[in-house]
Amino acid sequence: RFAAASADGFDAVEYLFPYAYDATG
């Protein structure tokens, strides 16, 4: 979804929770 948002011209993202994923990734 990061790539898709960037492709549509967004410069920033938010979401509910990151904890299912490694922070470095």
PDB file of all heavy atoms in Angstrom:
ATOM      1  N   ARG A   1       0.823  -1.212   0.000  1.00  0.00           N
ATOM      2  CA  ARG A   1       0.000   0.000   0.000  1.00  0.00           C
ATOM      3  C   ARG A   1       0.857   1.263   0.000  1.00  0.00           C
ATOM      4  O   ARG A   1       0.407   2.313  -0.450  1.00  0.00           O
ATOM      5  CB  ARG A   1      -0.955  -0.013   1.196  1.00  0.00           C
ATOM      6  CG  ARG A   1      -1.965  -1.157   1.120  1.00  0.00           C
ATOM      7  CD  ARG A   1      -2.838  -1.255   2.357  1.00  0.00           C
ATOM      8  NE  ARG A   1      -3.522  -2.548   2.392  1.00  0.00           N
ATOM      9  CZ  ARG A   1      -4.275  -2.986   3.386  1.00  0.00           C
ATOM     10  NH1 ARG A   1      -4.448  -2.228   4.462  1.00  0.00           N
ATOM     11  NH2 ARG A   1      -4.847  -4.176   3.328  1.00  0.00           N
ATOM     12  N   PHE A   2       2.075   1.182   0.506  1.00  0.00           N
ATOM     13  CA  PHE A   2       2.958   2.342   0.521  1.00  0.00           C
ATOM     14  C   PHE A   2       3.251   2.796  -0.917  1.00  0.00           C
ATOM     15  O   PHE A   2       3.174   3.987  -1.228  1.00  0.00           O
ATOM     16  CB  PHE A   2       4.260   2.012   1.248  1.00  0.00           C
ATOM     17  CG  PHE A   2       4.079   1.708   2.713  1.00  0.00           C
ATOM     18  CD1 PHE A   2       3.713   0.439   3.140  1.00  0.00           C
ATOM     19  CD2 PHE A   2       4.286   2.692   3.666  1.00  0.00           C
ATOM     20  CE1 PHE A   2       3.544   0.155   4.485  1.00  0.00           C
ATOM     21  CE2 PHE A   2       4.132   2.428   5.013  1.00  0.00           C
ATOM     22  CZ  PHE A   2       3.751   1.153   5.424  1.00  0.00           C
ATOM     23  N   ALA A   3       3.583   1.839  -1.765  1.00  0.00           N
ATOM     24  CA  ALA A   3       3.875   2.167  -3.154  1.00  0.00           C
ATOM     25  C   ALA A   3       2.648   2.740  -3.845  1.00  0.00           C
ATOM     26  O   ALA A   3       2.741   3.703  -4.615  1.00  0.00           O
ATOM     27  CB  ALA A   3       4.373   0.931  -3.893  1.00  0.00           C
ATOM     28  N   ALA A   4       1.475   2.176  -3.566  1.00  0.00           N
ATOM     29  CA  ALA A   4       0.250   2.650  -4.206  1.00  0.00           C
ATOM     30  C   ALA A   4      -0.067   4.080  -3.790  1.00  0.00           C
ATOM     31  O   ALA A   4      -0.459   4.914  -4.615  1.00  0.00           O
ATOM     32  CB  ALA A   4      -0.903   1.715  -3.852  1.00  0.00           C
ATOM     33  N   ALA A   5       0.114   4.382  -2.511  1.00  0.00           N
ATOM     34  CA  ALA A   5      -0.151   5.745  -2.033  1.00  0.00           C
ATOM     35  C   ALA A   5       0.817   6.742  -2.657  1.00  0.00           C
ATOM     36  O   ALA A   5       0.425   7.832  -3.079  1.00  0.00           O
ATOM     37  CB  ALA A   5      -0.062   5.791  -0.516  1.00  0.00           C
ATOM     38  N   SER A   6       2.076   6.359  -2.730  1.00  0.00           N
ATOM     39  CA  SER A   6       3.067   7.240  -3.335  1.00  0.00           C
ATOM     40  C   SER A   6       2.757   7.492  -4.806  1.00  0.00           C
ATOM     41  O   SER A   6       2.874   8.620  -5.299  1.00  0.00           O
ATOM     42  CB  SER A   6       4.461   6.639  -3.180  1.00  0.00           C
ATOM     43  OG  SER A   6       5.434   7.435  -3.804  1.00  0.00           O
ATOM     44  N   ALA A   7       2.337   6.444  -5.507  1.00  0.00           N
ATOM     45  CA  ALA A   7       2.030   6.580  -6.930  1.00  0.00           C
ATOM     46  C   ALA A   7       0.873   7.543  -7.168  1.00  0.00           C
ATOM     47  O   ALA A   7       0.794   8.177  -8.229  1.00  0.00           O
ATOM     48  CB  ALA A   7       1.712   5.210  -7.525  1.00  0.00           C
ATOM     49  N   ASP A   8      -0.016   7.673  -6.183  1.00  0.00           N
ATOM     50  CA  ASP A   8      -1.151   8.588  -6.317  1.00  0.00           C
ATOM     51  C   ASP A   8      -0.834   9.993  -5.805  1.00  0.00           C
ATOM     52  O   ASP A   8      -1.724  10.828  -5.712  1.00  0.00           O
ATOM     53  CB  ASP A   8      -2.360   8.028  -5.564  1.00  0.00           C
ATOM     54  CG  ASP A   8      -3.079   6.950  -6.359  1.00  0.00           C
ATOM     55  OD1 ASP A   8      -2.979   6.964  -7.600  1.00  0.00           O
ATOM     56  OD2 ASP A   8      -3.742   6.091  -5.740  1.00  0.00           O
ATOM     57  N   GLY A   9       0.424  10.240  -5.462  1.00  0.00           N
ATOM     58  CA  GLY A   9       0.828  11.591  -5.104  1.00  0.00           C
ATOM     59  C   GLY A   9       0.804  11.916  -3.631  1.00  0.00           C
ATOM     60  O   GLY A   9       1.014  13.079  -3.253  1.00  0.00           O
ATOM     61  N   PHE A  10       0.557  10.932  -2.772  1.00  0.00           N
ATOM     62  CA  PHE A  10       0.608  11.189  -1.340  1.00  0.00           C
ATOM     63  C   PHE A  10       2.058  11.277  -0.879  1.00  0.00           C
ATOM     64  O   PHE A  10       2.919  10.523  -1.324  1.00  0.00           O
ATOM     65  CB  PHE A  10      -0.110  10.083  -0.559  1.00  0.00           C
ATOM     66  CG  PHE A  10      -1.604  10.150  -0.632  1.00  0.00           C
ATOM     67  CD1 PHE A  10      -2.314   9.303  -1.481  1.00  0.00           C
ATOM     68  CD2 PHE A  10      -2.306  11.063   0.147  1.00  0.00           C
ATOM     69  CE1 PHE A  10      -3.694   9.366  -1.542  1.00  0.00           C
ATOM     70  CE2 PHE A  10      -3.696  11.131   0.084  1.00  0.00           C
ATOM     71  CZ  PHE A  10      -4.387  10.284  -0.762  1.00  0.00           C
ATOM     72  N   ASP A  11       2.299  12.197   0.038  1.00  0.00           N
ATOM     73  CA  ASP A  11       3.631  12.363   0.634  1.00  0.00           C
ATOM     74  C   ASP A  11       3.724  11.744   2.013  1.00  0.00           C
ATOM     75  O   ASP A  11       4.827  11.658   2.579  1.00  0.00           O
ATOM     76  CB  ASP A  11       3.974  13.852   0.757  1.00  0.00           C
ATOM     77  CG  ASP A  11       4.024  14.552  -0.595  1.00  0.00           C
ATOM     78  OD1 ASP A  11       4.577  13.961  -1.542  1.00  0.00           O
ATOM     79  OD2 ASP A  11       3.500  15.678  -0.695  1.00  0.00           O
ATOM     80  N   ALA A  12       2.581  11.344   2.583  1.00  0.00           N
ATOM     81  CA  ALA A  12       2.571  10.849   3.956  1.00  0.00           C
ATOM     82  C   ALA A  12       1.505   9.779   4.109  1.00  0.00           C
ATOM     83  O   ALA A  12       0.539   9.714   3.335  1.00  0.00           O
ATOM     84  CB  ALA A  12       2.311  11.998   4.930  1.00  0.00           C
ATOM     85  N   VAL A  13       1.689   8.960   5.135  1.00  0.00           N
ATOM     86  CA  VAL A  13       0.727   7.900   5.441  1.00  0.00           C
ATOM     87  C   VAL A  13       0.475   7.854   6.940  1.00  0.00           C
ATOM     88  O   VAL A  13       1.291   8.311   7.753  1.00  0.00           O
ATOM     89  CB  VAL A  13       1.210   6.514   4.953  1.00  0.00           C
ATOM     90  CG1 VAL A  13       1.346   6.496   3.441  1.00  0.00           C
ATOM     91  CG2 VAL A  13       2.517   6.100   5.625  1.00  0.00           C
ATOM     92  N   GLU A  14      -0.669   7.294   7.287  1.00  0.00           N
ATOM     93  CA  GLU A  14      -1.017   6.929   8.646  1.00  0.00           C
ATOM     94  C   GLU A  14      -1.693   5.569   8.577  1.00  0.00           C
ATOM     95  O   GLU A  14      -2.053   5.100   7.498  1.00  0.00           O
ATOM     96  CB  GLU A  14      -1.969   7.972   9.257  1.00  0.00           C
ATOM     97  CG  GLU A  14      -3.299   8.078   8.507  1.00  0.00           C
ATOM     98  CD  GLU A  14      -4.285   9.039   9.151  1.00  0.00           C
ATOM     99  OE1 GLU A  14      -3.841  10.074   9.657  1.00  0.00           O
ATOM    100  OE2 GLU A  14      -5.499   8.737   9.118  1.00  0.00           O
ATOM    101  N   TYR A  15      -1.855   4.925   9.703  1.00  0.00           N
ATOM    102  CA  TYR A  15      -2.629   3.683   9.772  1.00  0.00           C
ATOM    103  C   TYR A  15      -2.894   3.392  11.234  1.00  0.00           C
ATOM    104  O   TYR A  15      -2.398   4.099  12.129  1.00  0.00           O
ATOM    105  CB  TYR A  15      -1.910   2.503   9.090  1.00  0.00           C
ATOM    106  CG  TYR A  15      -0.424   2.411   9.326  1.00  0.00           C
ATOM    107  CD1 TYR A  15       0.089   2.043  10.556  1.00  0.00           C
ATOM    108  CD2 TYR A  15       0.476   2.678   8.295  1.00  0.00           C
ATOM    109  CE1 TYR A  15       1.457   1.953  10.761  1.00  0.00           C
ATOM    110  CE2 TYR A  15       1.839   2.596   8.489  1.00  0.00           C
ATOM    111  CZ  TYR A  15       2.322   2.222   9.737  1.00  0.00           C
ATOM    112  OH  TYR A  15       3.680   2.137   9.937  1.00  0.00           O
ATOM    113  N   LEU A  16      -3.690   2.355  11.498  1.00  0.00           N
ATOM    114  CA  LEU A  16      -4.051   2.064  12.882  1.00  0.00           C
ATOM    115  C   LEU A  16      -2.852   1.546  13.678  1.00  0.00           C
ATOM    116  O   LEU A  16      -2.441   2.157  14.650  1.00  0.00           O
ATOM    117  CB  LEU A  16      -5.200   1.056  12.926  1.00  0.00           C
ATOM    118  CG  LEU A  16      -6.563   1.557  12.430  1.00  0.00           C
ATOM    119  CD1 LEU A  16      -7.602   0.455  12.528  1.00  0.00           C
ATOM    120  CD2 LEU A  16      -7.012   2.790  13.195  1.00  0.00           C
ATOM    121  N   PHE A  17      -2.306   0.399  13.266  1.00  0.00           N
ATOM    122  CA  PHE A  17      -1.303  -0.262  14.092  1.00  0.00           C
ATOM    123  C   PHE A  17      -0.174  -0.824  13.236  1.00  0.00           C
ATOM    124  O   PHE A  17      -0.432  -1.456  12.202  1.00  0.00           O
ATOM    125  CB  PHE A  17      -1.937  -1.417  14.876  1.00  0.00           C
ATOM    126  CG  PHE A  17      -3.178  -1.021  15.612  1.00  0.00           C
ATOM    127  CD1 PHE A  17      -4.422  -1.496  15.205  1.00  0.00           C
ATOM    128  CD2 PHE A  17      -3.124  -0.160  16.694  1.00  0.00           C
ATOM    129  CE1 PHE A  17      -5.577  -1.130  15.873  1.00  0.00           C
ATOM    130  CE2 PHE A  17      -4.275   0.225  17.364  1.00  0.00           C
ATOM    131  CZ  PHE A  17      -5.507  -0.260  16.958  1.00  0.00           C
ATOM    132  N   PRO A  18       1.067  -0.658  13.657  1.00  0.00           N
ATOM    133  CA  PRO A  18       2.205  -1.208  12.916  1.00  0.00           C
ATOM    134  C   PRO A  18       2.733  -2.525  13.471  1.00  0.00           C
ATOM    135  O   PRO A  18       3.675  -3.094  12.911  1.00  0.00           O
ATOM    136  CB  PRO A  18       3.269  -0.120  13.107  1.00  0.00           C
ATOM    137  CG  PRO A  18       3.012   0.381  14.488  1.00  0.00           C
ATOM    138  CD  PRO A  18       1.517   0.312  14.680  1.00  0.00           C
ATOM    139  N   TYR A  19       2.148  -3.030  14.566  1.00  0.00           N
ATOM    140  CA  TYR A  19       2.864  -4.002  15.394  1.00  0.00           C
ATOM    141  C   TYR A  19       2.949  -5.409  14.800  1.00  0.00           C
ATOM    142  O   TYR A  19       3.725  -6.225  15.292  1.00  0.00           O
ATOM    143  CB  TYR A  19       2.231  -4.030  16.795  1.00  0.00           C
ATOM    144  CG  TYR A  19       2.102  -2.643  17.351  1.00  0.00           C
ATOM    145  CD1 TYR A  19       0.847  -2.024  17.447  1.00  0.00           C
ATOM    146  CD2 TYR A  19       3.226  -1.900  17.701  1.00  0.00           C
ATOM    147  CE1 TYR A  19       0.723  -0.727  17.904  1.00  0.00           C
ATOM    148  CE2 TYR A  19       3.115  -0.601  18.163  1.00  0.00           C
ATOM    149  CZ  TYR A  19       1.859  -0.023  18.260  1.00  0.00           C
ATOM    150  OH  TYR A  19       1.742   1.266  18.711  1.00  0.00           O
ATOM    151  N   ALA A  20       2.190  -5.677  13.753  1.00  0.00           N
ATOM    152  CA  ALA A  20       2.312  -6.979  13.084  1.00  0.00           C
ATOM    153  C   ALA A  20       3.528  -7.027  12.163  1.00  0.00           C
ATOM    154  O   ALA A  20       3.840  -8.087  11.612  1.00  0.00           O
ATOM    155  CB  ALA A  20       1.046  -7.279  12.287  1.00  0.00           C
ATOM    156  N   TYR A  21       4.218  -5.899  12.021  1.00  0.00           N
ATOM    157  CA  TYR A  21       5.340  -5.801  11.087  1.00  0.00           C
ATOM    158  C   TYR A  21       6.574  -5.284  11.808  1.00  0.00           C
ATOM    159  O   TYR A  21       6.477  -4.528  12.784  1.00  0.00           O
ATOM    160  CB  TYR A  21       4.987  -4.863   9.920  1.00  0.00           C
ATOM    161  CG  TYR A  21       3.813  -5.343   9.113  1.00  0.00           C
ATOM    162  CD1 TYR A  21       2.507  -4.952   9.453  1.00  0.00           C
ATOM    163  CD2 TYR A  21       3.977  -6.216   8.051  1.00  0.00           C
ATOM    164  CE1 TYR A  21       1.415  -5.405   8.741  1.00  0.00           C
ATOM    165  CE2 TYR A  21       2.888  -6.679   7.328  1.00  0.00           C
ATOM    166  CZ  TYR A  21       1.619  -6.276   7.675  1.00  0.00           C
ATOM    167  OH  TYR A  21       0.536  -6.736   6.971  1.00  0.00           O
ATOM    168  N   ASP A  22       7.716  -5.664  11.317  1.00  0.00           N
ATOM    169  CA  ASP A  22       8.981  -5.175  11.851  1.00  0.00           C
ATOM    170  C   ASP A  22       9.122  -3.684  11.537  1.00  0.00           C
ATOM    171  O   ASP A  22       8.897  -3.257  10.400  1.00  0.00           O
ATOM    172  CB  ASP A  22      10.129  -5.969  11.228  1.00  0.00           C
ATOM    173  CG  ASP A  22      11.484  -5.435  11.639  1.00  0.00           C
ATOM    174  OD1 ASP A  22      11.864  -5.629  12.798  1.00  0.00           O
ATOM    175  OD2 ASP A  22      12.143  -4.806  10.786  1.00  0.00           O
ATOM    176  N   ALA A  23       9.498  -2.906  12.545  1.00  0.00           N
ATOM    177  CA  ALA A  23       9.587  -1.459  12.358  1.00  0.00           C
ATOM    178  C   ALA A  23      10.619  -1.079  11.303  1.00  0.00           C
ATOM    179  O   ALA A  23      10.402  -0.153  10.515  1.00  0.00           O
ATOM    180  CB  ALA A  23       9.914  -0.783  13.688  1.00  0.00           C
ATOM    181  N   THR A  24      11.723  -1.795  11.268  1.00  0.00           N
ATOM    182  CA  THR A  24      12.760  -1.481  10.284  1.00  0.00           C
ATOM    183  C   THR A  24      12.258  -1.729   8.864  1.00  0.00           C
ATOM    184  O   THR A  24      12.548  -0.956   7.944  1.00  0.00           O
ATOM    185  CB  THR A  24      14.017  -2.305  10.557  1.00  0.00           C
ATOM    186  OG1 THR A  24      14.471  -2.041  11.896  1.00  0.00           O
ATOM    187  CG2 THR A  24      15.122  -1.966   9.586  1.00  0.00           C
ATOM    188  N   GLY A  25      11.484  -2.805   8.693  1.00  0.00           N
ATOM    189  CA  GLY A  25      10.920  -3.082   7.379  1.00  0.00           C
ATOM    190  C   GLY A  25       9.944  -2.009   6.940  1.00  0.00           C
ATOM    191  O   GLY A  25       9.929  -1.596   5.775  1.00  0.00           O
TER     192      GLY A  25
END
